Amino acid sequence: MFSETVKVNLAEDAEARPVAVLVQKASQFECKVYIQSGDKKINAKSIMGMMSLGLMQDEEVTVSAEGDDAEKAVETLSKYLQNAK
């Protein structure tokens, strides 16, 4: 399992679009991918789950993945969350 804690950097007027893009990116990987904020751990491939997470600017979240391409998934999603403008 790979994981990385990152600070979310969303555009100020961000609504659903950055979350939809995140889910699309997560869905490109074979591995299981999760975003954790506080005590909530959500499947990053679930649009409804990710919308319920309510990501906020400068919030710290943990991106984790397990499976064949887990390292690449964590790297890609972490980079996106830090630069989702």
N, C-alpha and C. Protein backbone atom coordinates (compact mmCIF):
# COMPACT_ATOMS: atom_id res chain seq x y z
N MET A 1 0.84 -1.18 0.00
CA MET A 1 0.00 0.00 0.00
C MET A 1 0.89 1.24 0.00
N PHE A 2 0.51 2.20 -0.80
CA PHE A 2 1.21 3.47 -0.87
C PHE A 2 0.27 4.56 -0.40
N SER A 3 0.82 5.59 0.25
CA SER A 3 -0.01 6.72 0.65
C SER A 3 0.83 7.98 0.74
N GLU A 4 0.14 9.12 0.63
CA GLU A 4 0.80 10.41 0.73
C GLU A 4 -0.22 11.42 1.26
N THR A 5 0.21 12.26 2.18
CA THR A 5 -0.64 13.31 2.72
C THR A 5 -0.32 14.60 1.98
N VAL A 6 -1.37 15.25 1.48
CA VAL A 6 -1.19 16.47 0.69
C VAL A 6 -2.18 17.54 1.16
N LYS A 7 -1.85 18.78 0.82
CA LYS A 7 -2.75 19.90 1.09
C LYS A 7 -3.52 20.20 -0.19
N VAL A 8 -4.84 20.24 -0.09
CA VAL A 8 -5.71 20.47 -1.24
C VAL A 8 -5.58 21.91 -1.70
N ASN A 9 -5.41 22.10 -3.00
CA ASN A 9 -5.31 23.43 -3.59
C ASN A 9 -6.31 23.51 -4.74
N LEU A 10 -7.53 23.93 -4.42
CA LEU A 10 -8.60 24.03 -5.42
C LEU A 10 -8.78 25.48 -5.84
N ALA A 11 -9.29 25.67 -7.04
CA ALA A 11 -9.64 27.02 -7.49
C ALA A 11 -10.71 27.58 -6.55
N GLU A 12 -10.70 28.88 -6.33
CA GLU A 12 -11.64 29.50 -5.39
C GLU A 12 -13.09 29.26 -5.77
N ASP A 13 -13.38 29.19 -7.06
CA ASP A 13 -14.77 29.01 -7.50
C ASP A 13 -15.08 27.55 -7.80
N ALA A 14 -14.25 26.65 -7.28
CA ALA A 14 -14.42 25.22 -7.55
C ALA A 14 -15.73 24.70 -6.96
N GLU A 15 -16.41 23.90 -7.74
CA GLU A 15 -17.60 23.22 -7.24
C GLU A 15 -17.42 21.73 -7.52
N ALA A 16 -18.22 21.19 -8.41
CA ALA A 16 -18.17 19.75 -8.68
C ALA A 16 -17.09 19.36 -9.68
N ARG A 17 -16.69 20.26 -10.56
CA ARG A 17 -15.77 19.89 -11.63
C ARG A 17 -14.45 19.28 -11.15
N PRO A 18 -13.73 19.89 -10.20
CA PRO A 18 -12.47 19.28 -9.76
C PRO A 18 -12.66 17.88 -9.18
N VAL A 19 -13.77 17.65 -8.49
CA VAL A 19 -14.03 16.34 -7.93
C VAL A 19 -14.32 15.33 -9.04
N ALA A 20 -15.06 15.75 -10.05
CA ALA A 20 -15.36 14.86 -11.19
C ALA A 20 -14.07 14.48 -11.92
N VAL A 21 -13.18 15.44 -12.09
CA VAL A 21 -11.89 15.16 -12.75
C VAL A 21 -11.07 14.20 -11.89
N LEU A 22 -11.09 14.40 -10.57
CA LEU A 22 -10.36 13.51 -9.67
C LEU A 22 -10.87 12.08 -9.81
N VAL A 23 -12.19 11.90 -9.85
CA VAL A 23 -12.78 10.57 -9.99
C VAL A 23 -12.39 9.96 -11.34
N GLN A 24 -12.38 10.76 -12.40
CA GLN A 24 -11.96 10.26 -13.72
C GLN A 24 -10.51 9.79 -13.68
N LYS A 25 -9.65 10.57 -13.05
CA LYS A 25 -8.24 10.20 -12.95
C LYS A 25 -8.07 8.92 -12.14
N ALA A 26 -8.79 8.82 -11.02
CA ALA A 26 -8.70 7.63 -10.17
C ALA A 26 -9.17 6.38 -10.90
N SER A 27 -10.20 6.55 -11.73
CA SER A 27 -10.79 5.42 -12.45
C SER A 27 -9.89 4.86 -13.54
N GLN A 28 -8.85 5.57 -13.89
CA GLN A 28 -7.90 5.10 -14.90
C GLN A 28 -6.97 4.02 -14.36
N PHE A 29 -6.95 3.85 -13.06
CA PHE A 29 -6.04 2.89 -12.44
C PHE A 29 -6.77 1.61 -12.04
N GLU A 30 -6.05 0.51 -12.09
CA GLU A 30 -6.61 -0.80 -11.72
C GLU A 30 -6.72 -0.96 -10.21
N CYS A 31 -5.84 -0.31 -9.47
CA CYS A 31 -5.78 -0.49 -8.02
C CYS A 31 -6.96 0.16 -7.32
N LYS A 32 -7.10 -0.16 -6.04
CA LYS A 32 -8.10 0.49 -5.19
C LYS A 32 -7.48 1.80 -4.71
N VAL A 33 -8.23 2.91 -4.83
CA VAL A 33 -7.72 4.22 -4.48
C VAL A 33 -8.67 4.89 -3.48
N TYR A 34 -8.12 5.48 -2.44
CA TYR A 34 -8.92 6.12 -1.40
C TYR A 34 -8.40 7.52 -1.08
N ILE A 35 -9.33 8.39 -0.70
CA ILE A 35 -8.99 9.71 -0.18
C ILE A 35 -9.53 9.74 1.24
N GLN A 36 -8.67 10.09 2.19
CA GLN A 36 -9.09 10.14 3.58
C GLN A 36 -8.95 11.56 4.11
N SER A 37 -10.02 12.02 4.74
CA SER A 37 -10.05 13.33 5.40
C SER A 37 -10.65 13.12 6.78
N GLY A 38 -9.87 13.37 7.80
CA GLY A 38 -10.33 13.11 9.16
C GLY A 38 -10.61 11.63 9.32
N ASP A 39 -11.81 11.29 9.76
CA ASP A 39 -12.16 9.88 9.95
C ASP A 39 -12.92 9.29 8.76
N LYS A 40 -13.07 10.08 7.69
CA LYS A 40 -13.76 9.58 6.49
C LYS A 40 -12.74 9.07 5.47
N LYS A 41 -12.92 7.82 5.05
CA LYS A 41 -12.07 7.22 4.02
C LYS A 41 -12.98 6.83 2.87
N ILE A 42 -12.82 7.48 1.72
CA ILE A 42 -13.74 7.35 0.60
C ILE A 42 -13.05 6.73 -0.61
N ASN A 43 -13.77 5.87 -1.31
CA ASN A 43 -13.30 5.31 -2.57
C ASN A 43 -13.19 6.46 -3.57
N ALA A 44 -11.99 6.73 -4.07
CA ALA A 44 -11.77 7.86 -4.98
C ALA A 44 -12.41 7.66 -6.34
N LYS A 45 -12.90 6.45 -6.62
CA LYS A 45 -13.56 6.18 -7.90
C LYS A 45 -15.07 6.40 -7.82
N SER A 46 -15.56 6.77 -6.66
CA SER A 46 -17.00 6.98 -6.44
C SER A 46 -17.32 8.47 -6.45
N ILE A 47 -18.05 8.92 -7.46
CA ILE A 47 -18.39 10.34 -7.55
C ILE A 47 -19.25 10.77 -6.36
N MET A 48 -20.22 9.96 -5.98
CA MET A 48 -21.08 10.32 -4.85
C MET A 48 -20.29 10.36 -3.54
N GLY A 49 -19.41 9.39 -3.37
CA GLY A 49 -18.58 9.37 -2.17
C GLY A 49 -17.67 10.59 -2.10
N MET A 50 -17.05 10.92 -3.21
CA MET A 50 -16.14 12.05 -3.24
C MET A 50 -16.87 13.37 -3.04
N MET A 51 -18.08 13.49 -3.57
CA MET A 51 -18.87 14.71 -3.36
C MET A 51 -19.23 14.85 -1.88
N SER A 52 -19.48 13.73 -1.21
CA SER A 52 -19.84 13.77 0.21
C SER A 52 -18.66 14.17 1.09
N LEU A 53 -17.45 14.00 0.57
CA LEU A 53 -16.25 14.34 1.34
C LEU A 53 -16.12 15.86 1.52
N GLY A 54 -16.58 16.62 0.52
CA GLY A 54 -16.56 18.09 0.64
C GLY A 54 -15.18 18.66 0.81
N LEU A 55 -14.29 18.39 -0.12
CA LEU A 55 -12.91 18.89 -0.03
C LEU A 55 -12.89 20.41 0.05
N MET A 56 -12.04 20.93 0.93
CA MET A 56 -11.93 22.37 1.15
C MET A 56 -10.50 22.82 0.83
N GLN A 57 -10.39 24.08 0.44
CA GLN A 57 -9.08 24.69 0.18
C GLN A 57 -8.18 24.54 1.42
N ASP A 58 -6.93 24.17 1.19
CA ASP A 58 -5.90 24.02 2.23
C ASP A 58 -6.16 22.89 3.23
N GLU A 59 -7.14 22.04 2.96
CA GLU A 59 -7.40 20.88 3.82
C GLU A 59 -6.33 19.81 3.54
N GLU A 60 -5.88 19.13 4.59
CA GLU A 60 -4.93 18.04 4.41
C GLU A 60 -5.70 16.74 4.28
N VAL A 61 -5.39 16.00 3.22
CA VAL A 61 -6.01 14.70 2.99
C VAL A 61 -4.91 13.68 2.71
N THR A 62 -5.25 12.43 2.90
CA THR A 62 -4.31 11.35 2.60
C THR A 62 -4.83 10.58 1.40
N VAL A 63 -3.99 10.45 0.39
CA VAL A 63 -4.29 9.66 -0.80
C VAL A 63 -3.60 8.31 -0.59
N SER A 64 -4.35 7.23 -0.68
CA SER A 64 -3.76 5.91 -0.52
C SER A 64 -4.28 4.98 -1.61
N ALA A 65 -3.47 3.97 -1.91
CA ALA A 65 -3.86 3.01 -2.95
C ALA A 65 -3.19 1.68 -2.68
N GLU A 66 -3.86 0.62 -3.11
CA GLU A 66 -3.29 -0.72 -3.01
C GLU A 66 -3.60 -1.49 -4.28
N GLY A 67 -2.57 -2.13 -4.83
CA GLY A 67 -2.72 -2.88 -6.06
C GLY A 67 -1.52 -2.65 -6.96
N ASP A 68 -1.61 -3.17 -8.18
CA ASP A 68 -0.48 -3.16 -9.11
C ASP A 68 0.06 -1.77 -9.44
N ASP A 69 -0.80 -0.82 -9.71
CA ASP A 69 -0.35 0.51 -10.11
C ASP A 69 -0.57 1.55 -9.00
N ALA A 70 -0.52 1.10 -7.76
CA ALA A 70 -0.82 1.96 -6.61
C ALA A 70 0.12 3.15 -6.50
N GLU A 71 1.39 2.93 -6.70
CA GLU A 71 2.36 4.02 -6.55
C GLU A 71 2.08 5.14 -7.56
N LYS A 72 1.81 4.77 -8.80
CA LYS A 72 1.52 5.75 -9.85
C LYS A 72 0.19 6.47 -9.55
N ALA A 73 -0.79 5.75 -9.05
CA ALA A 73 -2.09 6.35 -8.72
C ALA A 73 -1.94 7.41 -7.63
N VAL A 74 -1.21 7.08 -6.57
CA VAL A 74 -1.00 8.03 -5.48
C VAL A 74 -0.25 9.26 -5.99
N GLU A 75 0.76 9.05 -6.79
CA GLU A 75 1.54 10.16 -7.34
C GLU A 75 0.66 11.08 -8.20
N THR A 76 -0.13 10.49 -9.09
CA THR A 76 -0.98 11.26 -10.01
C THR A 76 -2.06 12.04 -9.26
N LEU A 77 -2.76 11.38 -8.34
CA LEU A 77 -3.85 12.04 -7.63
C LEU A 77 -3.34 13.08 -6.64
N SER A 78 -2.21 12.81 -6.01
CA SER A 78 -1.62 13.79 -5.10
C SER A 78 -1.23 15.05 -5.85
N LYS A 79 -0.61 14.88 -6.99
CA LYS A 79 -0.21 16.01 -7.80
C LYS A 79 -1.44 16.81 -8.24
N TYR A 80 -2.49 16.12 -8.65
CA TYR A 80 -3.72 16.80 -9.07
C TYR A 80 -4.33 17.61 -7.92
N LEU A 81 -4.43 17.00 -6.74
CA LEU A 81 -5.05 17.70 -5.60
C LEU A 81 -4.27 18.95 -5.19
N GLN A 82 -2.97 18.92 -5.40
CA GLN A 82 -2.13 20.06 -5.03
C GLN A 82 -2.19 21.18 -6.09
N ASN A 83 -2.69 20.87 -7.27
CA ASN A 83 -2.68 21.83 -8.37
C ASN A 83 -3.97 21.88 -9.15
N ALA A 84 -5.10 21.62 -8.51
CA ALA A 84 -6.39 21.57 -9.20
C ALA A 84 -6.95 22.98 -9.41
N LYS A 85 -6.39 23.69 -10.35
CA LYS A 85 -6.81 25.07 -10.61
C LYS A 85 -7.55 25.16 -11.92
